[in-house]
Amino acid sequence: MINETNTRKIEIKTYIIPILIITITFLVVGTLIINDFYRMKKEYYQFAEQLLNYVTVFGIIALVVVYISLIYIIIMNYKKNKHLFAIAFFDILTGLPNLQFMKQYVAKEIANNKQGKKALLLINCSDFKAMNMVYGFDLSDEVIKGLSKKINELKDDNHKPFRFSGDRFGLYVKNYYTKENLISLAEKIYSLFSEPFKNKDAEQYYDLRVGIVEVNATDNVDRIFMDALVALNNVTNDSIYAFFNEEMEQRINRQDMIEREIRNIINDNNASNKLYLEYQPLADIKTNKIVGFEALARLKTDSFGNISPVEFISIAEKKQLIVPLGNMILRMACNYVKTLRQFGYKDVRVAVNVSGIQLLRNDFIDTVLKITRETGIDESNLEIEITESILLDNYEMINRKLKRLREHNIKIALDDFGTGYSSFARLRDLNIDVVKIDRYFISRLSLEDSKNIMTGAIISMAHMLGLQVVAEGVEEEVQREYLLNNNCDIIQGYLFGKPLPQDEALKYLN
C-alpha cells in the first residue's frame, strides 16, 4: 500500500547513495594526492604542502556545496512528492481520503484477514443536483465541506470516512457485532444532518440515503464498492438505508444481460428477430369495425424468455439506447402499415408509442419523415402516441414538433389521459387529435354507480375540443355499454381483441 512513510523511504534510498559515492570519491582522490606529493623530491615539498592545503580547502568547500545542494533537492522533492501524494489519494475540497486511497486501504484490510466484522457504508445526498441548479456550484461546495465535517466526526479506530465522489461519501467500519449496529450507525448518520445547512444566501435540508455492504475476506475490492453503490441505488422512499443482497445482484445481472440483448438487436438490425411487434385492435364502438391497431413492442430472449415492455423500455432509456430502438420499432410499424395497404386496408391506422427522449431530439421530425418515405406509406395511416409526463417540461418546444407532424397528416394521440398533469385548458392549445382515457377510469365503470363516474364528462369535454376519444382497457360488457351511451368513439381492450402477432392481426382484420 502506498503511503507517506513508503514515499520517504524511497526518497532516502534515492539520494543517500549519490552522497556516499561523492564522499568516498573525494576521500580516495585526496589520499592518492597526499601519497603522490610525499613521494616528491624534497625541493618540491614546500610547494606540495601548499598545493595540498589549497586542494583540501577546495575539497571541503566542494563537499559543503554538494551536501547543501543535495539537501535542497531532497527537501524540494519531498514537498513535491507530498503534494502529489495528497492530490492522488486525498480529496482537495474536503481533505478526506479519496476512492483510490480507500481501495488500497480496504484491500490491505482484507489481506490482513484480522478477526472482526467489516462493512462499507455509502452515503448519498440525493437532492444535491437540484441544489447545484438552484444555488450554484460555490454554495454547493460549501455544503460538501459541511457534509464532510459532520461525517468526519465519526472518525475513530473503527470508522474511517472518505469521499467517494461528487455528493457521495463513504464510511469503512470494522469490529462491529451485528447488522443492528450498522443500522444504528446509518440512523446516527441521518440524525447528524437533521439540521439544515445555513448561510446568508440559503437554508438547505439534507436528504441522505445509505447503502450498506458487509465485507467478506474473499471479496474483490472493486466488487465491494460496486455492491455498496447497488445497495445505495436500491434504497426505497420509505427508508434511509438498504443492505446489499443477492436479489439486488441478480436484478443488476438481469438488467446487464437485457442491455446486451438490446445492443445486439440494434447492432445486428434485429437479425435474430428477438424484437417484434404485436398489434391490439382499435374498434369503432358503434359499428365494431376495426379502425386501427396499437403497435406494442415485445422482446423475447434465450435467457429470460418474454420480457415485459415496461422492463426493457426502461432499461433502454437508462442506457441511452431508446433512440435507435425506438426508430427500429417505428420502422417495423410502418412496414406493417405498408402491408395493410397492400391488402386493401387503406383507412386502417397504426399507433406507435414514442419515448420522450426521442421526441426531445432535434432530428426527431426528420427521422420520422425519413422512415415514412423509405417505407412508402401514406403518413395519414400513422399515429404517434405520447404520454402526459413528456409535456411537463419543454411544453412549447414539444407542441411545435407535434404541429409539424400534424402538418404531414400524422395523427397525434395523448396516451393515459387523466393520470398525469394535463388539464382541459392545456388540451385546447395542444396539437393532438386523440385522447386515450387511462384504463383506471375504465375499470371504475364496473365498480361504481354510473352517476358518480366522471368518465362521461371527460368524453364530453374532449368532444367539445374536437378530439377523438379512445377508451383503453375495456374488458367487460358493462364498460362497453357505458362508453357507448356516453358517445365514446373507439374502444381498445380484451373485450374486443388482445394484442396479436402481425399475421394473426391481419387475419383478425379479415
Protein backbone atom coordinates (compact mmCIF):
# COMPACT_ATOMS: atom_id res chain seq x y z
CA MET A 1 0.00 0.00 0.00
CA ILE A 2 1.30 3.43 -0.94
CA ASN A 3 1.63 5.85 1.97
CA GLU A 4 3.81 8.74 3.15
CA THR A 5 6.24 6.51 5.09
CA ASN A 6 6.95 4.43 1.99
CA THR A 7 7.42 7.61 -0.01
CA ARG A 8 10.06 8.89 2.47
CA LYS A 9 11.92 5.56 2.34
CA ILE A 10 12.08 5.74 -1.43
CA GLU A 11 13.40 9.32 -1.27
CA ILE A 12 16.16 8.41 1.24
CA LYS A 13 17.29 5.42 -0.83
CA THR A 14 17.27 7.58 -3.94
CA TYR A 15 19.57 10.34 -2.61
CA ILE A 16 21.81 8.74 0.07
CA ILE A 17 23.68 6.62 -2.50
CA PRO A 18 24.94 9.60 -4.60
CA ILE A 19 26.08 11.35 -1.38
CA LEU A 20 28.09 8.33 -0.27
CA ILE A 21 29.67 7.92 -3.72
CA ILE A 22 30.77 11.57 -3.84
CA THR A 23 32.19 11.44 -0.29
CA ILE A 24 34.16 8.23 -0.92
CA THR A 25 35.47 9.66 -4.23
CA PHE A 26 36.87 12.77 -2.53
CA LEU A 27 38.48 10.70 0.21
CA VAL A 28 40.15 8.35 -2.25
CA VAL A 29 41.34 11.14 -4.53
CA GLY A 30 42.62 13.13 -1.53
CA THR A 31 44.56 10.13 -0.20
CA LEU A 32 46.17 9.50 -3.59
CA ILE A 33 47.18 13.14 -3.88
CA ILE A 34 48.82 13.09 -0.43
CA ASN A 35 50.74 9.92 -1.18
CA ASP A 36 51.98 11.31 -4.51
CA PHE A 37 53.11 14.57 -3.03
CA TYR A 38 55.08 12.84 -0.23
CA ARG A 39 56.99 10.91 -2.88
CA MET A 40 58.19 14.09 -4.50
CA LYS A 41 61.66 15.38 -4.07
CA LYS A 42 62.48 17.46 -1.07
CA GLU A 43 62.90 20.65 -3.09
CA TYR A 44 59.23 20.42 -4.06
CA TYR A 45 57.97 19.53 -0.58
CA GLN A 46 57.11 23.07 0.38
CA PHE A 47 55.21 23.62 -2.90
CA ALA A 48 53.41 20.29 -2.45
CA GLU A 49 52.37 21.17 1.07
CA GLN A 50 50.94 24.49 -0.09
CA LEU A 51 49.13 22.86 -3.01
CA LEU A 52 47.76 20.22 -0.67
CA ASN A 53 46.33 22.94 1.55
CA TYR A 54 44.59 24.50 -1.48
CA VAL A 55 43.22 21.13 -2.56
CA THR A 56 42.00 20.39 0.96
CA VAL A 57 40.22 23.74 1.25
CA PHE A 58 38.72 23.34 -2.23
CA GLY A 59 37.58 19.81 -1.39
CA ILE A 60 35.89 20.93 1.82
CA ILE A 61 34.13 23.77 0.01
CA ALA A 62 33.04 21.45 -2.79
CA LEU A 63 31.72 18.89 -0.32
CA VAL A 64 29.74 21.56 1.54
CA VAL A 65 28.23 22.83 -1.72
CA VAL A 66 27.35 19.29 -2.84
CA TYR A 67 25.78 18.43 0.52
CA ILE A 68 23.76 21.66 0.60
CA SER A 69 22.59 21.10 -2.99
CA LEU A 70 21.56 17.52 -2.29
CA ILE A 71 19.74 18.51 0.90
CA TYR A 72 17.89 21.22 -1.05
CA ILE A 73 16.94 18.74 -3.80
CA ILE A 74 15.73 16.20 -1.22
CA ILE A 75 13.60 18.81 0.57
CA MET A 76 12.06 20.13 -2.66
CA ASN A 77 11.35 16.62 -3.96
CA TYR A 78 9.87 15.64 -0.62
CA LYS A 79 7.49 18.61 -0.77
CA LYS A 80 6.63 17.85 -4.38
CA ASN A 81 6.02 14.16 -3.68
CA LYS A 82 3.98 15.02 -0.64
CA HIS A 83 1.85 17.35 -2.77
CA LEU A 84 1.46 14.70 -5.48
CA PHE A 85 0.58 12.13 -2.84
CA ALA A 86 -2.12 14.43 -1.47
CA ILE A 87 -3.55 15.02 -4.95
CA ALA A 88 -3.53 11.31 -5.76
CA PHE A 89 -5.00 9.98 -2.53
CA PHE A 90 -6.92 12.80 -0.85
CA ASP A 91 -9.88 14.91 -1.88
CA ILE A 92 -8.79 18.50 -2.45
CA LEU A 93 -12.07 20.11 -1.36
CA THR A 94 -12.67 18.19 1.89
CA GLY A 95 -9.24 16.80 2.79
CA LEU A 96 -10.75 13.33 3.25
CA PRO A 97 -9.18 10.21 1.73
CA ASN A 98 -10.49 9.62 -1.79
CA LEU A 99 -11.76 6.48 -3.51
CA GLN A 100 -8.31 5.45 -4.77
CA PHE A 101 -6.85 5.62 -1.27
CA MET A 102 -9.75 3.65 0.19
CA LYS A 103 -9.50 0.89 -2.40
CA GLN A 104 -5.90 0.29 -1.35
CA TYR A 105 -6.81 0.64 2.30
CA VAL A 106 -9.67 -1.89 2.09
CA ALA A 107 -7.51 -4.28 0.04
CA LYS A 108 -4.87 -4.17 2.79
CA GLU A 109 -7.53 -4.72 5.45
CA ILE A 110 -8.83 -7.79 3.62
CA ALA A 111 -5.30 -9.13 3.06
CA ASN A 112 -4.51 -8.82 6.79
CA ASN A 113 -7.55 -11.01 7.44
CA LYS A 114 -7.83 -9.91 11.05
CA GLN A 115 -10.78 -11.05 13.09
CA GLY A 116 -13.75 -8.74 13.42
CA LYS A 117 -16.53 -7.89 11.03
CA LYS A 118 -16.05 -5.26 8.35
CA ALA A 119 -18.56 -3.24 6.33
CA LEU A 120 -18.72 -0.35 3.89
CA LEU A 121 -21.37 2.35 4.10
CA LEU A 122 -22.01 4.59 1.09
CA ILE A 123 -23.77 7.87 1.87
CA ASN A 124 -25.56 9.95 -0.74
CA CYS A 125 -27.13 13.40 -0.59
CA SER A 126 -29.96 12.71 -3.04
CA ASP A 127 -31.05 16.31 -3.68
CA PHE A 128 -27.56 17.65 -4.41
CA LYS A 129 -28.11 18.10 -8.16
CA ALA A 130 -31.14 20.28 -7.52
CA MET A 131 -29.04 22.26 -5.05
CA ASN A 132 -26.45 22.88 -7.77
CA MET A 133 -29.08 24.20 -10.16
CA VAL A 134 -30.79 26.41 -7.59
CA TYR A 135 -27.84 27.85 -5.67
CA GLY A 136 -24.84 27.32 -7.94
CA PHE A 137 -21.56 25.47 -7.51
CA ASP A 138 -19.91 27.74 -4.96
CA LEU A 139 -22.66 27.21 -2.41
CA SER A 140 -22.72 23.50 -3.22
CA ASP A 141 -19.00 23.33 -2.40
CA GLU A 142 -19.79 24.84 0.99
CA VAL A 143 -22.46 22.20 1.52
CA ILE A 144 -19.99 19.45 0.61
CA LYS A 145 -17.48 20.83 3.12
CA GLY A 146 -20.21 20.88 5.76
CA LEU A 147 -21.14 17.30 4.95
CA SER A 148 -17.52 16.16 5.19
CA LYS A 149 -17.02 17.82 8.58
CA LYS A 150 -20.06 16.09 10.04
CA ILE A 151 -19.08 12.71 8.59
CA ASN A 152 -15.52 13.21 9.84
CA GLU A 153 -16.94 13.44 13.37
CA LEU A 154 -17.47 9.66 13.16
CA LYS A 155 -13.75 9.03 12.66
CA ASP A 156 -12.06 6.75 15.19
CA ASP A 157 -10.08 3.49 15.23
CA ASN A 158 -13.07 1.54 13.84
CA HIS A 159 -14.57 4.14 11.48
CA LYS A 160 -12.69 5.65 8.54
CA PRO A 161 -14.60 8.27 6.48
CA PHE A 162 -13.76 9.12 2.88
CA ARG A 163 -15.20 10.92 -0.12
CA PHE A 164 -16.49 8.56 -2.78
CA SER A 165 -17.40 11.10 -5.50
CA GLY A 166 -19.48 14.22 -6.00
CA ASP A 167 -22.20 14.20 -3.35
CA ARG A 168 -21.30 10.71 -2.10
CA PHE A 169 -19.26 9.88 0.97
CA GLY A 170 -18.22 6.58 2.48
CA LEU A 171 -17.53 5.12 5.88
CA TYR A 172 -15.43 1.99 6.35
CA VAL A 173 -16.45 0.17 9.53
CA LYS A 174 -14.73 -2.65 11.39
CA ASN A 175 -15.13 -4.55 14.64
CA TYR A 176 -18.92 -4.28 14.81
CA TYR A 177 -21.08 -7.17 16.03
CA THR A 178 -24.43 -7.37 14.21
CA LYS A 179 -26.40 -5.75 11.42
CA GLU A 180 -28.27 -3.80 14.07
CA ASN A 181 -25.01 -1.98 14.83
CA LEU A 182 -24.79 -0.91 11.19
CA ILE A 183 -28.45 0.15 11.16
CA SER A 184 -27.85 2.25 14.28
CA LEU A 185 -24.84 3.81 12.59
CA ALA A 186 -26.90 4.64 9.47
CA GLU A 187 -29.56 6.24 11.68
CA LYS A 188 -26.87 8.19 13.53
CA ILE A 189 -25.50 9.48 10.22
CA TYR A 190 -29.02 10.53 9.23
CA SER A 191 -29.54 12.31 12.56
CA LEU A 192 -26.28 14.24 12.11
CA PHE A 193 -27.95 16.08 9.25
CA SER A 194 -31.32 16.78 10.84
CA GLU A 195 -30.43 20.46 10.97
CA PRO A 196 -30.34 22.30 7.62
CA PHE A 197 -27.28 23.86 6.08
CA LYS A 198 -27.48 27.62 6.59
CA ASN A 199 -25.63 30.67 5.34
CA LYS A 200 -26.56 34.19 4.36
CA ASP A 201 -27.90 33.06 0.98
CA ALA A 202 -29.71 29.81 1.65
CA GLU A 203 -31.16 27.30 4.04
CA GLN A 204 -31.00 23.77 2.67
CA TYR A 205 -32.13 20.49 4.27
CA TYR A 206 -30.24 17.28 3.55
CA ASP A 207 -31.91 14.16 2.18
CA LEU A 208 -29.49 11.34 2.93
CA ARG A 209 -29.57 7.69 1.91
CA VAL A 210 -27.15 4.95 2.98
CA GLY A 211 -26.16 1.79 1.09
CA ILE A 212 -24.54 -0.92 3.22
CA VAL A 213 -22.45 -3.92 2.20
CA GLU A 214 -20.81 -6.35 4.61
CA VAL A 215 -17.24 -7.27 3.63
CA ASN A 216 -16.01 -10.85 3.43
CA ALA A 217 -12.39 -12.00 3.43
CA THR A 218 -12.76 -13.35 -0.12
CA ASP A 219 -14.37 -10.24 -1.61
CA ASN A 220 -12.87 -8.33 -4.51
CA VAL A 221 -12.32 -4.66 -3.65
CA ASP A 222 -13.93 -3.28 -6.82
CA ARG A 223 -16.86 -5.59 -6.23
CA ILE A 224 -17.31 -4.29 -2.67
CA PHE A 225 -17.62 -0.70 -3.83
CA MET A 226 -19.89 -1.69 -6.71
CA ASP A 227 -22.17 -3.63 -4.33
CA ALA A 228 -22.33 -0.64 -1.99
CA LEU A 229 -23.39 1.51 -4.93
CA VAL A 230 -26.06 -1.05 -5.90
CA ALA A 231 -27.37 -1.05 -2.34
CA LEU A 232 -27.50 2.75 -2.35
CA ASN A 233 -29.48 2.79 -5.59
CA ASN A 234 -31.98 0.35 -4.06
CA VAL A 235 -32.89 2.44 -1.02
CA THR A 236 -36.67 2.90 -1.13
CA ASN A 237 -38.54 6.11 -0.42
CA ASP A 238 -39.80 4.78 2.91
CA SER A 239 -36.32 4.00 4.27
CA ILE A 240 -32.96 5.67 4.76
CA TYR A 241 -30.77 2.60 4.19
CA ALA A 242 -30.54 -0.68 2.29
CA PHE A 243 -28.28 -3.72 2.69
CA PHE A 244 -26.82 -5.30 -0.42
CA ASN A 245 -28.25 -8.77 -1.06
CA GLU A 246 -28.27 -11.46 -3.76
CA GLU A 247 -31.62 -10.33 -5.12
CA MET A 248 -30.13 -6.94 -5.95
CA GLU A 249 -27.19 -8.66 -7.61
CA GLN A 250 -29.50 -10.86 -9.69
CA ARG A 251 -31.50 -7.81 -10.72
CA ILE A 252 -28.35 -6.00 -11.81
CA ASN A 253 -27.17 -9.05 -13.75
CA ARG A 254 -30.56 -9.34 -15.41
CA GLN A 255 -30.52 -5.68 -16.42
CA ASP A 256 -26.99 -6.09 -17.78
CA MET A 257 -27.96 -9.10 -19.88
CA ILE A 258 -31.10 -7.37 -21.20
CA GLU A 259 -28.99 -4.34 -22.09
CA ARG A 260 -26.62 -6.56 -24.05
CA GLU A 261 -29.57 -8.18 -25.85
CA ILE A 262 -30.85 -4.74 -26.85
CA ARG A 263 -27.40 -3.68 -28.08
CA ASN A 264 -27.09 -6.87 -30.14
CA ILE A 265 -30.53 -6.27 -31.64
CA ILE A 266 -29.58 -2.71 -32.61
CA ASN A 267 -26.14 -3.65 -33.96
CA ASP A 268 -27.41 -6.65 -35.92
CA ASN A 269 -30.53 -4.83 -37.12
CA ASN A 270 -32.59 -7.44 -35.25
CA ALA A 271 -31.24 -10.30 -37.34
CA SER A 272 -32.38 -12.78 -34.68
CA ASN A 273 -35.97 -11.40 -34.65
CA LYS A 274 -35.92 -11.18 -30.87
CA LEU A 275 -37.66 -7.82 -31.07
CA TYR A 276 -41.10 -7.96 -32.62
CA LEU A 277 -44.44 -6.14 -32.52
CA GLU A 278 -47.91 -7.25 -31.56
CA TYR A 279 -50.96 -5.31 -32.64
CA GLN A 280 -54.01 -4.66 -30.48
CA PRO A 281 -57.17 -3.72 -32.39
CA LEU A 282 -58.88 -0.36 -32.03
CA ALA A 283 -62.59 -0.72 -32.76
CA ASP A 284 -65.34 1.77 -33.56
CA ILE A 285 -67.70 1.32 -30.61
CA LYS A 286 -70.84 1.82 -32.72
CA THR A 287 -70.02 -0.44 -35.66
CA ASN A 288 -67.48 -2.86 -34.11
CA LYS A 289 -65.35 -2.19 -37.17
CA ILE A 290 -61.58 -2.19 -36.73
CA VAL A 291 -60.25 1.29 -37.45
CA GLY A 292 -56.68 0.78 -36.32
CA PHE A 293 -54.09 -1.04 -34.24
CA GLU A 294 -51.72 -0.05 -31.47
CA ALA A 295 -48.24 -1.45 -32.09
CA LEU A 296 -46.85 -2.95 -28.89
CA ALA A 297 -43.14 -3.82 -28.70
CA ARG A 298 -42.17 -7.28 -27.46
CA LEU A 299 -38.79 -8.77 -26.59
CA LYS A 300 -38.04 -12.50 -26.34
CA THR A 301 -34.58 -13.72 -25.37
CA ASP A 302 -32.99 -17.13 -24.97
CA SER A 303 -32.02 -16.36 -21.37
CA PHE A 304 -35.23 -14.86 -19.98
CA GLY A 305 -37.95 -15.68 -22.49
CA ASN A 306 -40.55 -12.94 -22.90
CA ILE A 307 -39.57 -9.66 -21.23
CA SER A 308 -42.11 -7.04 -20.24
CA PRO A 309 -42.03 -3.86 -22.36
CA VAL A 310 -42.07 -1.86 -19.12
CA GLU A 311 -38.78 -3.50 -18.16
CA PHE A 312 -36.81 -3.44 -21.40
CA ILE A 313 -38.01 0.01 -22.50
CA SER A 314 -36.98 1.38 -19.09
CA ILE A 315 -33.52 -0.20 -19.45
CA ALA A 316 -33.18 1.17 -22.99
CA GLU A 317 -33.97 4.67 -21.72
CA LYS A 318 -31.48 4.44 -18.84
CA LYS A 319 -28.71 3.16 -21.11
CA GLN A 320 -29.32 5.74 -23.89
CA LEU A 321 -30.47 3.02 -26.30
CA ILE A 322 -34.09 4.12 -26.69
CA VAL A 323 -33.47 6.29 -29.76
CA PRO A 324 -32.12 3.55 -32.09
CA LEU A 325 -34.52 1.01 -30.54
CA GLY A 326 -37.47 3.38 -30.92
CA ASN A 327 -36.56 4.09 -34.53
CA MET A 328 -36.42 0.36 -35.20
CA ILE A 329 -39.89 -0.10 -33.66
CA LEU A 330 -41.27 2.81 -35.70
CA ARG A 331 -39.88 1.32 -38.92
CA MET A 332 -41.42 -2.09 -38.13
CA ALA A 333 -44.81 -0.46 -37.51
CA CYS A 334 -44.58 1.50 -40.78
CA ASN A 335 -43.78 -1.72 -42.65
CA TYR A 336 -46.99 -3.19 -41.23
CA VAL A 337 -48.90 -0.11 -42.41
CA LYS A 338 -47.49 -0.83 -45.86
CA THR A 339 -48.65 -4.47 -45.62
CA LEU A 340 -52.15 -3.38 -44.64
CA ARG A 341 -52.40 -1.10 -47.67
CA GLN A 342 -51.18 -3.90 -49.91
CA PHE A 343 -54.12 -5.98 -48.68
CA GLY A 344 -56.53 -3.15 -49.41
CA TYR A 345 -56.90 -1.68 -45.92
CA LYS A 346 -56.12 1.92 -46.79
CA ASP A 347 -58.05 3.52 -43.92
CA VAL A 348 -56.63 1.48 -41.02
CA ARG A 349 -54.07 3.39 -38.94
CA VAL A 350 -51.30 2.08 -36.71
CA ALA A 351 -50.38 3.87 -33.47
CA VAL A 352 -46.79 3.80 -32.15
CA ASN A 353 -45.64 4.91 -28.69
CA VAL A 354 -42.73 7.37 -28.70
CA SER A 355 -40.36 7.97 -25.81
CA GLY A 356 -39.88 11.48 -24.51
CA ILE A 357 -36.15 11.10 -25.15
CA GLN A 358 -36.87 10.53 -28.84
CA LEU A 359 -39.26 13.44 -29.05
CA LEU A 360 -36.78 15.87 -27.49
CA ARG A 361 -34.11 15.17 -30.09
CA ASN A 362 -33.58 17.83 -32.74
CA ASP A 363 -33.68 15.26 -35.55
CA PHE A 364 -36.90 13.54 -34.41
CA ILE A 365 -39.19 15.04 -37.07
CA ASP A 366 -36.68 14.38 -39.86
CA THR A 367 -36.22 10.79 -38.67
CA VAL A 368 -39.98 10.09 -38.65
CA LEU A 369 -40.46 11.57 -42.12
CA LYS A 370 -37.43 9.70 -43.46
CA ILE A 371 -38.86 6.38 -42.23
CA THR A 372 -42.27 7.09 -43.73
CA ARG A 373 -40.66 7.93 -47.09
CA GLU A 374 -38.40 4.88 -47.09
CA THR A 375 -41.26 2.52 -46.23
CA GLY A 376 -43.53 4.23 -48.77
CA ILE A 377 -46.59 4.60 -46.51
CA ASP A 378 -49.32 7.21 -46.52
CA GLU A 379 -48.49 9.36 -43.49
CA SER A 380 -52.18 9.63 -42.59
CA ASN A 381 -52.09 5.94 -41.59
CA LEU A 382 -49.52 6.63 -38.87
CA GLU A 383 -50.37 7.78 -35.36
CA ILE A 384 -47.79 8.86 -32.78
CA GLU A 385 -48.68 8.32 -29.11
CA ILE A 386 -47.14 10.48 -26.39
CA THR A 387 -47.63 10.43 -22.62
CA GLU A 388 -48.62 13.34 -20.39
CA SER A 389 -45.34 13.25 -18.47
CA ILE A 390 -43.46 14.32 -21.61
CA LEU A 391 -45.30 17.62 -21.54
CA LEU A 392 -44.21 18.63 -18.04
CA ASP A 393 -41.00 20.18 -19.31
CA ASN A 394 -40.31 21.72 -22.72
CA TYR A 395 -44.03 22.09 -23.44
CA GLU A 396 -43.64 24.81 -26.07
CA MET A 397 -40.89 23.00 -27.98
CA ILE A 398 -42.77 19.69 -27.98
CA ASN A 399 -46.01 21.33 -29.06
CA ARG A 400 -44.23 22.90 -32.05
CA LYS A 401 -42.92 19.47 -33.05
CA LEU A 402 -46.40 17.95 -32.77
CA LYS A 403 -47.71 20.71 -35.02
CA ARG A 404 -45.11 19.84 -37.68
CA LEU A 405 -46.10 16.18 -37.55
CA ARG A 406 -49.78 17.05 -37.97
CA GLU A 407 -48.88 19.25 -40.96
CA HIS A 408 -47.69 16.00 -42.57
CA ASN A 409 -51.06 14.34 -41.78
CA ILE A 410 -49.58 12.21 -38.97
CA LYS A 411 -52.09 11.91 -36.14
CA ILE A 412 -51.10 12.57 -32.52
CA ALA A 413 -52.65 10.76 -29.54
CA LEU A 414 -52.26 11.68 -25.86
CA ASP A 415 -51.94 8.38 -24.01
CA ASP A 416 -53.08 7.54 -20.44
CA PHE A 417 -55.05 10.77 -20.12
CA GLY A 418 -56.34 11.55 -16.64
CA THR A 419 -53.48 10.13 -14.57
CA GLY A 420 -50.94 12.84 -15.27
CA TYR A 421 -50.87 16.60 -15.22
CA SER A 422 -52.77 17.67 -18.31
CA SER A 423 -55.80 19.91 -17.99
CA PHE A 424 -58.54 20.62 -20.49
CA ALA A 425 -57.27 24.19 -20.65
CA ARG A 426 -53.93 22.88 -21.89
CA LEU A 427 -55.58 20.35 -24.23
CA ARG A 428 -57.20 23.23 -26.06
CA ASP A 429 -53.79 24.51 -27.18
CA LEU A 430 -52.07 21.15 -27.57
CA ASN A 431 -51.52 19.88 -31.11
CA ILE A 432 -53.21 16.48 -30.75
CA ASP A 433 -56.05 14.61 -32.46
CA VAL A 434 -56.87 11.84 -30.00
CA VAL A 435 -57.28 11.48 -26.24
CA LYS A 436 -56.85 7.99 -24.81
CA ILE A 437 -58.61 7.65 -21.43
CA ASP A 438 -56.50 5.67 -19.00
CA ARG A 439 -57.67 2.18 -18.05
CA TYR A 440 -58.01 3.29 -14.41
CA PHE A 441 -61.15 5.25 -15.26
CA ILE A 442 -62.49 2.39 -17.38
CA SER A 443 -62.01 -0.13 -14.55
CA ARG A 444 -64.16 2.05 -12.27
CA LEU A 445 -67.11 1.70 -14.65
CA SER A 446 -67.91 -1.80 -13.35
CA LEU A 447 -67.38 -0.87 -9.68
CA GLU A 448 -69.24 2.39 -9.12
CA ASP A 449 -72.64 3.90 -9.76
CA SER A 450 -72.56 5.44 -13.24
CA LYS A 451 -73.92 8.70 -11.81
CA ASN A 452 -70.76 9.19 -9.79
CA ILE A 453 -68.31 8.46 -12.61
CA MET A 454 -66.53 11.32 -14.37
CA THR A 455 -65.55 9.33 -17.50
CA GLY A 456 -68.61 10.57 -19.36
CA ALA A 457 -67.67 14.17 -18.57
CA ILE A 458 -64.14 13.57 -19.90
CA ILE A 459 -65.56 12.23 -23.16
CA SER A 460 -67.95 15.15 -23.49
CA MET A 461 -65.31 17.81 -22.85
CA ALA A 462 -62.83 16.14 -25.24
CA HIS A 463 -65.50 16.22 -27.97
CA MET A 464 -66.06 19.91 -27.28
CA LEU A 465 -62.36 20.42 -28.09
CA GLY A 466 -62.77 18.49 -31.35
CA LEU A 467 -60.80 15.47 -30.15
CA GLN A 468 -61.46 11.81 -30.82
CA VAL A 469 -61.75 9.65 -27.67
CA VAL A 470 -60.27 6.17 -27.20
CA ALA A 471 -61.06 4.12 -24.07
CA GLU A 472 -58.22 1.82 -23.01
CA GLY A 473 -58.54 -1.44 -21.09
CA VAL A 474 -62.17 -2.27 -21.94
CA GLU A 475 -62.68 -5.81 -20.64
CA GLU A 476 -66.34 -6.09 -19.64
CA GLU A 477 -69.63 -5.58 -21.42
CA VAL A 478 -70.87 -3.17 -18.76
CA GLN A 479 -67.92 -0.94 -19.55
CA ARG A 480 -68.65 -1.03 -23.27
CA GLU A 481 -72.33 -0.14 -22.66
CA TYR A 482 -71.40 2.86 -20.52
CA LEU A 483 -68.93 4.10 -23.14
CA LEU A 484 -71.47 3.59 -25.91
CA ASN A 485 -74.13 5.52 -24.00
CA ASN A 486 -71.65 8.35 -23.39
CA ASN A 487 -70.62 8.61 -27.05
CA CYS A 488 -67.07 7.29 -26.79
CA ASP A 489 -65.57 6.88 -30.26
CA ILE A 490 -63.17 3.93 -30.06
CA ILE A 491 -62.52 1.11 -27.61
CA GLN A 492 -59.36 -0.89 -27.01
CA GLY A 493 -59.09 -3.90 -24.72
CA TYR A 494 -59.50 -7.62 -24.28
CA LEU A 495 -63.29 -7.40 -24.72
CA PHE A 496 -62.72 -6.71 -28.38
CA GLY A 497 -59.27 -8.12 -29.03
CA LYS A 498 -55.96 -8.89 -27.35
CA PRO A 499 -52.55 -7.99 -28.86
CA LEU A 500 -51.80 -10.28 -31.80
CA PRO A 501 -48.76 -11.13 -33.94
CA GLN A 502 -48.71 -9.45 -37.35
CA ASP A 503 -50.16 -12.36 -39.36
CA GLU A 504 -52.90 -13.10 -36.81
CA ALA A 505 -53.83 -9.43 -36.61
CA LEU A 506 -54.27 -9.42 -40.38
CA LYS A 507 -56.49 -12.49 -40.20
CA TYR A 508 -58.49 -10.92 -37.37
CA LEU A 509 -58.98 -7.85 -39.53
CA ASN A 510 -60.39 -10.03 -42.30
